[in-house]
Amino acid sequence: MEPLQNRTEENLYSIKQGENARNPFKPTGAFIGASWFALLIGAAGYCIGLWNANMQLNEKGYYLTILLFGLFSVVSVQKSVRDRAEGIAVTDLYYGLSWFATIAAMLLLTIGLWNAGMTLSEKGFYAMAFCLSMFSAIAVQKNTRDAKMIEKKEL
């Protein structure tokens, strides 16, 4: 029996027989679909909540900007962390700014909700929709990158 530590992506894939063997590192269609669905539900729910909210337009703009800023920042963090793990050069400045932007988006949402004149259920709704959107954006970015990497190796 082959030791587990000697299994790499290349020789693990070659263990499977046949032309239609699925690469175990390629994300499944179900996971890709679930990630996109979660992102759309989270972002759409957040935006529908803002549309129906009884707040001034500048407050709605603040919360929408925080969502967009947060989504961009988590994708940037995922990309820079993955690049570093794969040995692709990422400057410390960009890496740090990506993390700072992500933490800043979360803090700004937290501070905004803490001081908002909303019911606790409304605050919880925005917090949960924000978290769902952030996590699923990371998953969508990971799936996209994994699928592209597998496509390059299969060509």
C-alpha atoms as a PDB file:
ATOM      1  CA  MET A   1       0.000   0.000   0.000  1.00  0.00           C
ATOM      2  CA  GLU A   2       1.327   3.424  -0.959  1.00  0.00           C
ATOM      3  CA  PRO A   3       2.120   5.788   1.950  1.00  0.00           C
ATOM      4  CA  LEU A   4      -0.316   8.673   2.209  1.00  0.00           C
ATOM      5  CA  GLN A   5       2.366  11.378   2.229  1.00  0.00           C
ATOM      6  CA  ASN A   6       3.568  10.332  -1.247  1.00  0.00           C
ATOM      7  CA  ARG A   7       0.215  11.022  -2.860  1.00  0.00           C
ATOM      8  CA  THR A   8       0.344  14.184  -4.886  1.00  0.00           C
ATOM      9  CA  GLU A   9      -2.277  15.692  -7.132  1.00  0.00           C
ATOM     10  CA  GLU A  10      -0.565  14.221 -10.201  1.00  0.00           C
ATOM     11  CA  ASN A  11      -0.194  10.624  -9.026  1.00  0.00           C
ATOM     12  CA  LEU A  12      -3.546  10.582  -7.211  1.00  0.00           C
ATOM     13  CA  TYR A  13      -5.278  11.558 -10.451  1.00  0.00           C
ATOM     14  CA  SER A  14      -3.382   8.895 -12.384  1.00  0.00           C
ATOM     15  CA  ILE A  15      -4.578   6.201  -9.962  1.00  0.00           C
ATOM     16  CA  LYS A  16      -8.096   6.484 -11.350  1.00  0.00           C
ATOM     17  CA  GLN A  17      -8.580   4.573 -14.559  1.00  0.00           C
ATOM     18  CA  GLY A  18     -10.375   5.581 -17.699  1.00  0.00           C
ATOM     19  CA  GLU A  19     -10.760   8.611 -19.849  1.00  0.00           C
ATOM     20  CA  ASN A  20     -13.776   9.964 -17.935  1.00  0.00           C
ATOM     21  CA  ALA A  21     -12.107   9.800 -14.517  1.00  0.00           C
ATOM     22  CA  ARG A  22     -12.981  12.869 -12.475  1.00  0.00           C
ATOM     23  CA  ASN A  23     -10.147  14.853 -10.943  1.00  0.00           C
ATOM     24  CA  PRO A  24     -10.787  14.793  -7.168  1.00  0.00           C
ATOM     25  CA  PHE A  25      -9.507  18.359  -6.826  1.00  0.00           C
ATOM     26  CA  LYS A  26     -11.985  19.798  -9.303  1.00  0.00           C
ATOM     27  CA  PRO A  27     -15.007  21.350  -7.578  1.00  0.00           C
ATOM     28  CA  THR A  28     -18.257  19.532  -8.227  1.00  0.00           C
ATOM     29  CA  GLY A  29     -21.117  21.153 -10.063  1.00  0.00           C
ATOM     30  CA  ALA A  30     -23.225  20.906  -6.924  1.00  0.00           C
ATOM     31  CA  PHE A  31     -20.689  22.848  -4.855  1.00  0.00           C
ATOM     32  CA  ILE A  32     -20.242  25.467  -7.574  1.00  0.00           C
ATOM     33  CA  GLY A  33     -24.007  25.873  -7.867  1.00  0.00           C
ATOM     34  CA  ALA A  34     -24.490  26.027  -4.098  1.00  0.00           C
ATOM     35  CA  SER A  35     -21.774  28.681  -3.794  1.00  0.00           C
ATOM     36  CA  TRP A  36     -23.302  30.866  -6.497  1.00  0.00           C
ATOM     37  CA  PHE A  37     -26.780  30.344  -5.048  1.00  0.00           C
ATOM     38  CA  ALA A  38     -25.593  31.380  -1.569  1.00  0.00           C
ATOM     39  CA  LEU A  39     -23.890  34.469  -2.990  1.00  0.00           C
ATOM     40  CA  LEU A  40     -26.980  35.510  -4.926  1.00  0.00           C
ATOM     41  CA  ILE A  41     -29.328  34.836  -2.004  1.00  0.00           C
ATOM     42  CA  GLY A  42     -27.104  36.692   0.471  1.00  0.00           C
ATOM     43  CA  ALA A  43     -26.492  39.728  -1.722  1.00  0.00           C
ATOM     44  CA  ALA A  44     -30.051  39.872  -3.066  1.00  0.00           C
ATOM     45  CA  GLY A  45     -31.539  39.480   0.406  1.00  0.00           C
ATOM     46  CA  TYR A  46     -29.307  42.230   1.754  1.00  0.00           C
ATOM     47  CA  CYS A  47     -30.237  44.557  -1.137  1.00  0.00           C
ATOM     48  CA  ILE A  48     -33.962  43.772  -0.929  1.00  0.00           C
ATOM     49  CA  GLY A  49     -33.778  44.507   2.788  1.00  0.00           C
ATOM     50  CA  LEU A  50     -32.158  47.854   2.023  1.00  0.00           C
ATOM     51  CA  TRP A  51     -34.748  48.642  -0.643  1.00  0.00           C
ATOM     52  CA  ASN A  52     -37.596  48.019   1.784  1.00  0.00           C
ATOM     53  CA  ALA A  53     -35.898  49.604   4.798  1.00  0.00           C
ATOM     54  CA  ASN A  54     -37.298  52.676   6.428  1.00  0.00           C
ATOM     55  CA  MET A  55     -34.077  54.675   6.457  1.00  0.00           C
ATOM     56  CA  GLN A  56     -32.647  57.670   4.668  1.00  0.00           C
ATOM     57  CA  LEU A  57     -31.022  57.264   1.275  1.00  0.00           C
ATOM     58  CA  ASN A  58     -27.564  58.096   2.640  1.00  0.00           C
ATOM     59  CA  GLU A  59     -27.887  55.245   5.176  1.00  0.00           C
ATOM     60  CA  LYS A  60     -28.920  52.849   2.430  1.00  0.00           C
ATOM     61  CA  GLY A  61     -25.910  53.974   0.418  1.00  0.00           C
ATOM     62  CA  TYR A  62     -23.626  53.375   3.400  1.00  0.00           C
ATOM     63  CA  TYR A  63     -24.818  49.799   3.871  1.00  0.00           C
ATOM     64  CA  LEU A  64     -24.696  49.039   0.134  1.00  0.00           C
ATOM     65  CA  THR A  65     -21.145  50.411  -0.080  1.00  0.00           C
ATOM     66  CA  ILE A  66     -20.092  48.267   2.891  1.00  0.00           C
ATOM     67  CA  LEU A  67     -21.462  45.163   1.145  1.00  0.00           C
ATOM     68  CA  LEU A  68     -19.651  45.931  -2.117  1.00  0.00           C
ATOM     69  CA  PHE A  69     -16.435  46.833  -0.286  1.00  0.00           C
ATOM     70  CA  GLY A  70     -16.621  43.648   1.761  1.00  0.00           C
ATOM     71  CA  LEU A  71     -17.246  41.410  -1.258  1.00  0.00           C
ATOM     72  CA  PHE A  72     -14.307  42.879  -3.136  1.00  0.00           C
ATOM     73  CA  SER A  73     -12.017  42.660  -0.132  1.00  0.00           C
ATOM     74  CA  VAL A  74     -12.709  38.984   0.663  1.00  0.00           C
ATOM     75  CA  VAL A  75     -12.110  37.986  -2.963  1.00  0.00           C
ATOM     76  CA  SER A  76      -8.843  39.899  -2.803  1.00  0.00           C
ATOM     77  CA  VAL A  77      -7.850  38.155   0.436  1.00  0.00           C
ATOM     78  CA  GLN A  78      -8.700  34.738  -0.996  1.00  0.00           C
ATOM     79  CA  LYS A  79      -6.668  35.440  -4.111  1.00  0.00           C
ATOM     80  CA  SER A  80      -3.629  36.760  -2.265  1.00  0.00           C
ATOM     81  CA  VAL A  81      -3.650  33.928   0.296  1.00  0.00           C
ATOM     82  CA  ARG A  82      -3.954  31.349  -2.479  1.00  0.00           C
ATOM     83  CA  ASP A  83      -1.254  33.032  -4.568  1.00  0.00           C
ATOM     84  CA  ARG A  84       1.140  32.906  -1.643  1.00  0.00           C
ATOM     85  CA  ALA A  85       0.319  29.259  -0.957  1.00  0.00           C
ATOM     86  CA  GLU A  86       1.090  28.425  -4.600  1.00  0.00           C
ATOM     87  CA  GLY A  87       4.348  30.376  -4.630  1.00  0.00           C
ATOM     88  CA  ILE A  88       3.056  33.255  -6.755  1.00  0.00           C
ATOM     89  CA  ALA A  89       4.566  36.575  -5.700  1.00  0.00           C
ATOM     90  CA  VAL A  90       2.250  38.822  -3.688  1.00  0.00           C
ATOM     91  CA  THR A  91       3.634  41.943  -2.096  1.00  0.00           C
ATOM     92  CA  ASP A  92       3.308  42.320   1.653  1.00  0.00           C
ATOM     93  CA  LEU A  93       1.628  45.675   1.060  1.00  0.00           C
ATOM     94  CA  TYR A  94      -1.169  44.177  -1.086  1.00  0.00           C
ATOM     95  CA  TYR A  95      -1.569  41.219   1.242  1.00  0.00           C
ATOM     96  CA  GLY A  96      -1.860  43.526   4.262  1.00  0.00           C
ATOM     97  CA  LEU A  97      -4.232  45.915   2.505  1.00  0.00           C
ATOM     98  CA  SER A  98      -6.482  43.026   1.512  1.00  0.00           C
ATOM     99  CA  TRP A  99      -6.772  41.878   5.114  1.00  0.00           C
ATOM    100  CA  PHE A 100      -7.171  45.449   6.365  1.00  0.00           C
ATOM    101  CA  ALA A 101     -10.003  46.096   3.894  1.00  0.00           C
ATOM    102  CA  THR A 102     -11.805  42.899   4.942  1.00  0.00           C
ATOM    103  CA  ILE A 103     -11.525  43.692   8.638  1.00  0.00           C
ATOM    104  CA  ALA A 104     -12.506  47.320   8.003  1.00  0.00           C
ATOM    105  CA  ALA A 105     -15.661  46.251   6.108  1.00  0.00           C
ATOM    106  CA  MET A 106     -16.690  43.984   8.975  1.00  0.00           C
ATOM    107  CA  LEU A 107     -15.983  46.646  11.586  1.00  0.00           C
ATOM    108  CA  LEU A 108     -17.824  49.337   9.642  1.00  0.00           C
ATOM    109  CA  LEU A 109     -20.885  47.114   9.302  1.00  0.00           C
ATOM    110  CA  THR A 110     -20.734  46.214  12.992  1.00  0.00           C
ATOM    111  CA  ILE A 111     -20.409  49.843  14.076  1.00  0.00           C
ATOM    112  CA  GLY A 112     -23.163  50.925  11.670  1.00  0.00           C
ATOM    113  CA  LEU A 113     -25.555  48.253  12.918  1.00  0.00           C
ATOM    114  CA  TRP A 114     -24.652  48.865  16.556  1.00  0.00           C
ATOM    115  CA  ASN A 115     -25.605  52.530  16.256  1.00  0.00           C
ATOM    116  CA  ALA A 116     -28.575  52.045  13.913  1.00  0.00           C
ATOM    117  CA  GLY A 117     -32.091  52.697  15.098  1.00  0.00           C
ATOM    118  CA  MET A 118     -33.344  49.300  13.926  1.00  0.00           C
ATOM    119  CA  THR A 119     -34.886  46.384  15.727  1.00  0.00           C
ATOM    120  CA  LEU A 120     -32.550  43.564  16.723  1.00  0.00           C
ATOM    121  CA  SER A 121     -34.126  41.297  14.119  1.00  0.00           C
ATOM    122  CA  GLU A 122     -33.323  43.804  11.363  1.00  0.00           C
ATOM    123  CA  LYS A 123     -29.762  44.134  12.590  1.00  0.00           C
ATOM    124  CA  GLY A 124     -29.422  40.367  12.681  1.00  0.00           C
ATOM    125  CA  PHE A 125     -30.829  40.069   9.178  1.00  0.00           C
ATOM    126  CA  TYR A 126     -28.255  42.472   7.743  1.00  0.00           C
ATOM    127  CA  ALA A 127     -25.419  40.833   9.668  1.00  0.00           C
ATOM    128  CA  MET A 128     -26.364  37.331   8.515  1.00  0.00           C
ATOM    129  CA  ALA A 129     -26.929  38.355   4.880  1.00  0.00           C
ATOM    130  CA  PHE A 130     -23.550  40.134   4.948  1.00  0.00           C
ATOM    131  CA  CYS A 131     -21.779  37.075   6.395  1.00  0.00           C
ATOM    132  CA  LEU A 132     -23.452  34.729   3.895  1.00  0.00           C
ATOM    133  CA  SER A 133     -22.424  36.985   1.034  1.00  0.00           C
ATOM    134  CA  MET A 134     -18.834  37.280   2.255  1.00  0.00           C
ATOM    135  CA  PHE A 135     -18.349  33.550   2.791  1.00  0.00           C
ATOM    136  CA  SER A 136     -19.974  32.570  -0.488  1.00  0.00           C
ATOM    137  CA  ALA A 137     -17.882  35.128  -2.412  1.00  0.00           C
ATOM    138  CA  ILE A 138     -14.787  33.354  -1.089  1.00  0.00           C
ATOM    139  CA  ALA A 139     -16.203  29.978  -2.143  1.00  0.00           C
ATOM    140  CA  VAL A 140     -17.101  31.247  -5.639  1.00  0.00           C
ATOM    141  CA  GLN A 141     -13.580  32.678  -6.067  1.00  0.00           C
ATOM    142  CA  LYS A 142     -12.023  29.407  -4.892  1.00  0.00           C
ATOM    143  CA  ASN A 143     -14.199  27.311  -7.200  1.00  0.00           C
ATOM    144  CA  THR A 144     -13.445  29.549 -10.166  1.00  0.00           C
ATOM    145  CA  ARG A 145      -9.737  29.361  -9.532  1.00  0.00           C
ATOM    146  CA  ASP A 146      -9.733  25.596  -8.936  1.00  0.00           C
ATOM    147  CA  ALA A 147     -11.727  24.952 -12.113  1.00  0.00           C
ATOM    148  CA  LYS A 148      -9.362  27.107 -14.196  1.00  0.00           C
ATOM    149  CA  MET A 149      -6.328  25.365 -12.711  1.00  0.00           C
ATOM    150  CA  ILE A 150      -7.737  21.917 -13.506  1.00  0.00           C
ATOM    151  CA  GLU A 151      -8.608  23.009 -17.068  1.00  0.00           C
ATOM    152  CA  LYS A 152      -5.014  24.122 -17.652  1.00  0.00           C
ATOM    153  CA  LYS A 153      -3.620  20.820 -16.358  1.00  0.00           C
ATOM    154  CA  GLU A 154      -6.017  18.744 -18.460  1.00  0.00           C
ATOM    155  CA  LEU A 155      -5.046  20.512 -21.712  1.00  0.00           C
END
